[in-house]
Protein backbone atom coordinates (compact mmCIF):
# COMPACT_ATOMS: atom_id res chain seq x y z
CA MET A 1 18.31 -16.79 8.22
CA ASN A 2 15.58 -16.51 10.89
CA THR A 3 12.05 -15.45 10.11
CA ALA A 4 12.44 -11.98 11.69
CA ILE A 5 15.33 -11.05 9.39
CA LYS A 6 13.39 -12.45 6.41
CA GLY A 7 10.38 -10.34 7.45
CA HIS A 8 12.42 -7.12 7.67
CA LEU A 9 14.10 -7.75 4.32
CA LEU A 10 10.77 -8.45 2.65
CA ALA A 11 9.22 -5.33 4.16
CA ILE A 12 12.17 -3.21 3.02
CA PHE A 13 11.96 -4.63 -0.49
CA THR A 14 8.22 -3.94 -0.60
CA VAL A 15 8.36 -0.30 0.49
CA ILE A 16 11.21 0.37 -1.94
CA CYS A 17 8.99 -0.85 -4.78
CA TRP A 18 5.86 0.91 -3.52
CA GLY A 19 7.82 4.10 -3.03
CA THR A 20 8.70 4.12 -6.74
CA THR A 21 5.15 3.49 -8.00
CA PHE A 22 4.45 7.25 -7.82
CA ILE A 23 6.80 7.70 -10.81
CA SER A 24 5.14 4.99 -12.89
CA THR A 25 1.62 6.18 -12.03
CA LYS A 26 2.52 9.77 -12.87
CA ILE A 27 3.74 8.66 -16.31
CA LEU A 28 0.66 6.54 -16.96
CA LEU A 29 -1.80 9.25 -15.94
CA THR A 30 -0.98 11.01 -19.21
CA ASP A 31 -2.92 8.38 -21.20
CA PHE A 32 -5.05 6.55 -18.62
CA SER A 33 -7.53 7.38 -15.87
CA PRO A 34 -6.83 6.29 -12.27
CA ILE A 35 -9.46 3.52 -12.42
CA GLU A 36 -8.02 2.19 -15.67
CA ILE A 37 -4.54 2.02 -14.14
CA LEU A 38 -5.89 0.42 -10.98
CA VAL A 39 -7.89 -2.32 -12.71
CA THR A 40 -5.24 -3.10 -15.32
CA ARG A 41 -2.40 -3.45 -12.79
CA PHE A 42 -4.38 -5.84 -10.59
CA VAL A 43 -5.58 -7.91 -13.57
CA ILE A 44 -1.93 -8.30 -14.58
CA GLY A 45 -1.03 -9.17 -11.00
CA LEU A 46 -3.84 -11.72 -10.78
CA THR A 47 -2.70 -13.34 -14.04
CA ILE A 48 0.84 -13.73 -12.72
CA LEU A 49 -0.38 -15.22 -9.44
CA TYR A 50 -2.57 -17.73 -11.34
CA ILE A 51 0.46 -18.77 -13.38
CA ILE A 52 2.43 -19.31 -10.16
CA ARG A 53 -0.42 -21.00 -8.24
CA PRO A 54 -3.08 -22.33 -10.66
CA HIS A 55 -4.76 -24.78 -8.29
CA VAL A 56 -8.06 -24.06 -6.56
CA LEU A 57 -8.02 -22.88 -2.97
CA LYS A 58 -10.04 -25.35 -0.93
CA LEU A 59 -11.32 -23.60 2.18
CA ARG A 60 -11.53 -25.72 5.32
CA HIS A 61 -14.25 -23.45 6.76
CA GLU A 62 -16.66 -21.30 4.79
CA GLU A 63 -16.19 -18.42 7.25
CA HIS A 64 -12.63 -18.10 5.96
CA ARG A 65 -14.09 -16.75 2.73
CA LEU A 66 -15.48 -13.81 4.67
CA TYR A 67 -11.98 -12.89 5.85
CA LEU A 68 -10.71 -13.05 2.26
CA PHE A 69 -13.61 -10.85 1.16
CA ILE A 70 -12.92 -8.26 3.88
CA ALA A 71 -9.20 -8.25 3.00
CA ALA A 72 -9.97 -7.67 -0.67
CA LEU A 73 -12.57 -4.99 0.06
CA SER A 74 -10.35 -3.09 2.50
CA GLY A 75 -6.84 -3.55 1.09
CA ILE A 76 -7.50 -3.65 -2.66
CA THR A 77 -10.79 -2.14 -3.78
CA LEU A 78 -11.68 0.57 -1.24
CA TYR A 79 -8.15 1.56 -0.21
CA TYR A 80 -6.96 2.35 -3.73
CA LEU A 81 -10.26 3.88 -4.84
CA MET A 82 -10.43 6.20 -1.82
CA GLU A 83 -6.80 7.18 -2.17
CA ASN A 84 -7.22 7.96 -5.87
CA ILE A 85 -10.46 9.87 -5.38
CA ALA A 86 -8.90 11.82 -2.47
CA LEU A 87 -6.21 13.04 -4.89
CA THR A 88 -8.93 14.70 -7.01
CA TYR A 89 -10.13 16.81 -4.03
CA THR A 90 -6.99 17.63 -2.04
CA TYR A 91 -3.24 18.01 -2.40
CA ALA A 92 -1.08 14.95 -2.97
CA SER A 93 0.92 16.09 0.06
CA ASN A 94 -2.21 15.87 2.24
CA VAL A 95 -2.94 12.37 1.01
CA GLY A 96 0.70 11.31 1.56
CA ILE A 97 0.74 12.60 5.13
CA ILE A 98 -2.68 11.25 6.11
CA THR A 99 -2.29 7.77 4.56
CA SER A 100 1.04 7.45 6.40
CA THR A 101 -0.94 7.24 9.63
CA ALA A 102 -1.99 3.70 8.69
CA PRO A 103 0.55 2.08 11.12
CA PHE A 104 -1.03 3.99 14.01
CA PHE A 105 -4.53 2.71 13.19
CA ALA A 106 -3.20 -0.80 12.56
CA ALA A 107 -1.54 -0.84 15.98
CA ILE A 108 -4.75 0.37 17.67
CA LEU A 109 -6.87 -2.27 15.88
CA ALA A 110 -4.34 -4.99 16.69
CA ARG A 111 -4.35 -3.95 20.34
CA PHE A 112 -8.06 -4.75 20.61
CA THR A 113 -8.35 -7.69 18.24
CA ILE A 114 -5.17 -9.74 18.50
CA LYS A 115 -4.00 -11.57 21.62
CA ASN A 116 -0.68 -10.44 23.18
CA SER A 117 -0.62 -7.26 21.06
CA HIS A 118 0.33 -4.16 23.03
CA LEU A 119 1.48 -0.61 22.38
CA SER A 120 4.67 0.72 23.92
CA GLY A 121 6.27 4.13 24.39
CA PRO A 122 8.78 3.70 21.51
CA PHE A 123 5.90 3.07 19.08
CA PHE A 124 4.28 6.41 19.89
CA VAL A 125 7.60 8.27 19.85
CA GLY A 126 8.44 6.71 16.50
CA PHE A 127 5.01 7.56 15.13
CA ILE A 128 5.38 11.25 16.10
CA LEU A 129 8.91 11.50 14.61
CA SER A 130 7.85 9.77 11.39
CA MET A 131 4.78 12.05 10.99
CA ILE A 132 7.05 15.06 11.38
CA GLY A 133 9.31 13.57 8.74
CA VAL A 134 6.48 12.76 6.32
CA PHE A 135 5.09 16.28 6.82
CA LEU A 136 8.49 17.88 6.02
CA ILE A 137 8.81 15.68 2.90
CA SER A 138 5.29 16.31 1.62
CA VAL A 139 4.25 19.80 2.60
CA GLU A 140 6.54 21.54 0.15
CA ASP A 141 4.77 19.89 -2.80
CA GLY A 142 1.70 22.08 -2.41
CA GLY A 143 1.17 22.97 1.19
CA PHE A 144 -1.14 21.37 3.69
CA ASN A 145 -4.49 23.08 3.11
CA PHE A 146 -7.42 21.42 4.79
CA ASN A 147 -10.06 19.97 2.46
CA LEU A 148 -12.83 18.11 4.34
CA LYS A 149 -13.89 15.70 1.62
CA GLY A 150 -10.42 14.83 0.26
CA ASP A 151 -8.72 14.59 3.63
CA LEU A 152 -11.47 12.43 5.09
CA LEU A 153 -11.18 10.09 2.09
CA ALA A 154 -7.42 9.83 2.68
CA LEU A 155 -8.03 9.19 6.39
CA GLY A 156 -10.53 6.49 5.46
CA ALA A 157 -7.92 4.90 3.20
CA ALA A 158 -5.42 4.78 6.09
CA VAL A 159 -8.00 3.09 8.33
CA LEU A 160 -8.86 0.60 5.58
CA TRP A 161 -5.21 -0.39 5.21
CA ALA A 162 -5.10 -0.97 8.94
CA VAL A 163 -8.18 -3.22 8.62
CA TYR A 164 -6.40 -5.11 5.82
CA ALA A 165 -3.33 -5.59 8.01
CA VAL A 166 -5.32 -7.01 10.93
CA VAL A 167 -7.49 -9.30 8.76
CA LEU A 168 -4.42 -10.52 6.86
CA LYS A 169 -2.73 -11.47 10.14
CA LYS A 170 -5.81 -13.48 11.03
CA ILE A 171 -5.77 -15.18 7.62
CA CYS A 172 -2.12 -16.15 8.16
CA THR A 173 -3.19 -18.27 11.15
CA PHE A 174 -5.46 -20.43 8.96
CA GLY A 175 -2.47 -22.31 7.49
CA TYR A 176 -3.22 -21.83 3.82
CA ASP A 177 -0.56 -21.30 1.16
CA LEU A 178 0.02 -17.53 1.26
CA ILE A 179 0.55 -17.19 -2.49
CA THR A 180 -2.83 -18.78 -3.16
CA VAL A 181 -4.43 -16.58 -0.50
CA THR A 182 -2.97 -13.44 -2.10
CA ARG A 183 -4.29 -14.60 -5.47
CA GLU A 184 -7.80 -15.01 -4.08
CA ILE A 185 -7.66 -11.58 -2.43
CA PHE A 186 -6.74 -10.10 -5.82
CA LEU A 187 -9.58 -11.98 -7.49
CA TYR A 188 -12.17 -10.76 -4.97
CA GLY A 189 -10.74 -7.24 -5.16
CA ILE A 190 -11.13 -7.12 -8.95
CA VAL A 191 -14.69 -8.45 -8.78
CA LEU A 192 -15.53 -5.76 -6.22
CA MET A 193 -14.18 -3.15 -8.62
CA ILE A 194 -16.94 -3.89 -11.13
CA PRO A 195 -19.50 -1.42 -9.62
CA PRO A 196 -16.95 1.47 -9.57
CA ILE A 197 -15.97 0.58 -13.16
CA ILE A 198 -19.59 0.86 -14.28
CA PHE A 199 -20.00 4.19 -12.45
CA MET A 200 -16.61 5.76 -13.31
CA GLY A 201 -16.19 4.26 -16.81
CA PHE A 202 -13.44 2.10 -18.27
CA ASP A 203 -12.36 2.75 -21.85
CA ILE A 204 -8.68 1.80 -22.03
CA ASP A 205 -6.96 2.47 -25.38
CA LEU A 206 -4.88 -0.53 -26.44
CA ILE A 207 -2.79 1.67 -28.71
CA ASN A 208 -1.73 3.73 -25.71
CA LEU A 209 -1.11 0.57 -23.74
CA THR A 210 1.29 -0.80 -26.35
CA LYS A 211 3.48 2.29 -26.20
CA PRO A 212 6.79 1.03 -24.76
CA ILE A 213 6.89 3.59 -21.92
CA ASN A 214 3.31 2.79 -20.90
CA LEU A 215 3.68 -0.97 -21.27
CA ILE A 216 6.84 -1.04 -19.16
CA ASN A 217 5.31 1.02 -16.38
CA MET A 218 2.01 -0.90 -16.39
CA LEU A 219 3.88 -4.22 -16.20
CA TYR A 220 5.99 -2.85 -13.40
CA LEU A 221 2.85 -1.87 -11.45
CA GLY A 222 1.12 -5.17 -12.23
CA ILE A 223 3.94 -7.63 -11.76
CA GLY A 224 6.27 -5.81 -9.38
CA ALA A 225 4.18 -3.48 -7.27
CA SER A 226 1.05 -5.66 -7.22
CA ALA A 227 1.71 -9.39 -7.58
CA LEU A 228 5.24 -9.53 -6.14
CA CYS A 229 4.96 -6.78 -3.53
CA PHE A 230 1.65 -7.94 -2.08
CA LEU A 231 3.28 -11.38 -1.70
CA THR A 232 6.36 -9.98 0.02
CA TRP A 233 4.23 -7.70 2.23
CA ASN A 234 1.94 -10.56 3.22
CA PHE A 235 4.89 -12.79 4.07
CA ALA A 236 6.47 -9.94 6.04
CA THR A 237 3.24 -9.57 8.02
CA LYS A 238 3.23 -13.28 8.72
CA PHE A 239 6.84 -13.24 9.92
CA LEU A 240 6.89 -9.92 11.83
CA GLY A 241 3.34 -9.23 12.87
CA ILE A 242 1.14 -6.23 12.13
CA VAL A 243 2.89 -3.35 13.90
CA LYS A 244 6.50 -4.13 12.92
CA THR A 245 5.48 -4.54 9.28
CA THR A 246 3.11 -1.58 8.88
CA VAL A 247 5.56 0.95 10.38
CA TYR A 248 7.66 0.47 7.23
CA ILE A 249 4.98 2.57 5.51
CA TYR A 250 6.79 5.56 7.06
CA VAL A 251 9.65 5.01 4.58
CA ILE A 252 7.51 5.07 1.39
CA PRO A 253 7.60 8.88 1.04
CA VAL A 254 11.38 8.74 1.56
CA ILE A 255 11.78 6.31 -1.34
CA THR A 256 9.51 8.46 -3.50
CA VAL A 257 11.63 11.58 -2.87
CA ILE A 258 14.86 9.75 -3.65
CA THR A 259 13.45 8.14 -6.79
CA ALA A 260 12.02 11.48 -8.01
CA TYR A 261 15.48 13.01 -7.54
CA PHE A 262 17.19 10.45 -9.76
CA ILE A 263 14.45 9.92 -12.39
CA LEU A 264 12.52 13.22 -12.54
CA SER A 265 15.40 15.45 -11.35
CA GLU A 266 13.24 16.81 -8.52
CA PRO A 267 15.48 18.51 -5.98
CA ILE A 268 15.94 17.24 -2.42
CA THR A 269 15.59 20.41 -0.35
CA LEU A 270 16.75 20.92 3.21
CA PRO A 271 13.26 20.34 4.68
CA LYS A 272 12.98 17.09 2.70
CA LEU A 273 16.40 16.01 3.91
CA PHE A 274 15.36 16.61 7.51
CA GLY A 275 12.10 14.78 6.75
CA ILE A 276 14.02 11.74 5.52
CA VAL A 277 16.06 11.69 8.73
CA PHE A 278 12.96 12.00 10.96
CA ALA A 279 11.01 9.32 9.04
CA ILE A 280 13.82 6.79 9.21
CA ALA A 281 14.46 7.59 12.87
CA GLY A 282 10.78 7.08 13.63
CA LEU A 283 10.84 3.71 11.89
CA VAL A 284 13.88 2.55 13.86
CA ILE A 285 12.43 3.65 17.20
CA SER A 286 9.03 2.09 16.40
CA GLN A 287 10.69 -1.27 15.86
CA LYS A 288 11.85 -1.38 19.53
């Protein structure tokens, strides 16, 4: 199996998992705050990665630490905080639509920062089709009503994920073990969460955590959606590059809709069905 096929399979696996995290998070929000869910899932993920790769990462150049720091700040700490805070100001549909623009920003950043990276017509056509699809999928959940603060936070989250994608691609060229690199990014990300924890509060109830439904979903977020999926996403980025990997983000809302249909019995309406078709078509065209 060549690296391109591996990359596509890893990206597909990742977005399937990330598309289902909405269900787990929705269940956990009954007993936990967003910051408690965020910190707990990444602590679990970090623990798993330390078990897999316990040895110390020896950096060949101290400047490489700066790249790890930026990746953690953009892709772990700020991205998830801004996305969660945005949800408190604006509709979830707004956040879903706006954060799905991350591939566009990643492609723009890659164009100016990475050698031999260029944007083609199919990418823009695919982007437009996918945005139409994401809009059709999301807008019915509450309507797209403009909220300056919330929507700007969601837009900032999309840009931050693009920064993470570009920095990660640079880190991949350093030649370090990618599992160890992912572990270090998690570690830095958790450390950078300390100021928000102090400001927003963290008072997790262990009794609630030991409830089977909560424990299963928290472990899924920590082991599956965090430790495993960040590994598979990072390897996909290494194998495929920034643009071809990030456009898979278009499919996340599709997975969420399908999962909600089977688990929460949420109906798939005609607009959502058309949205699924547009989103997948945009992904396929963008890969050209």
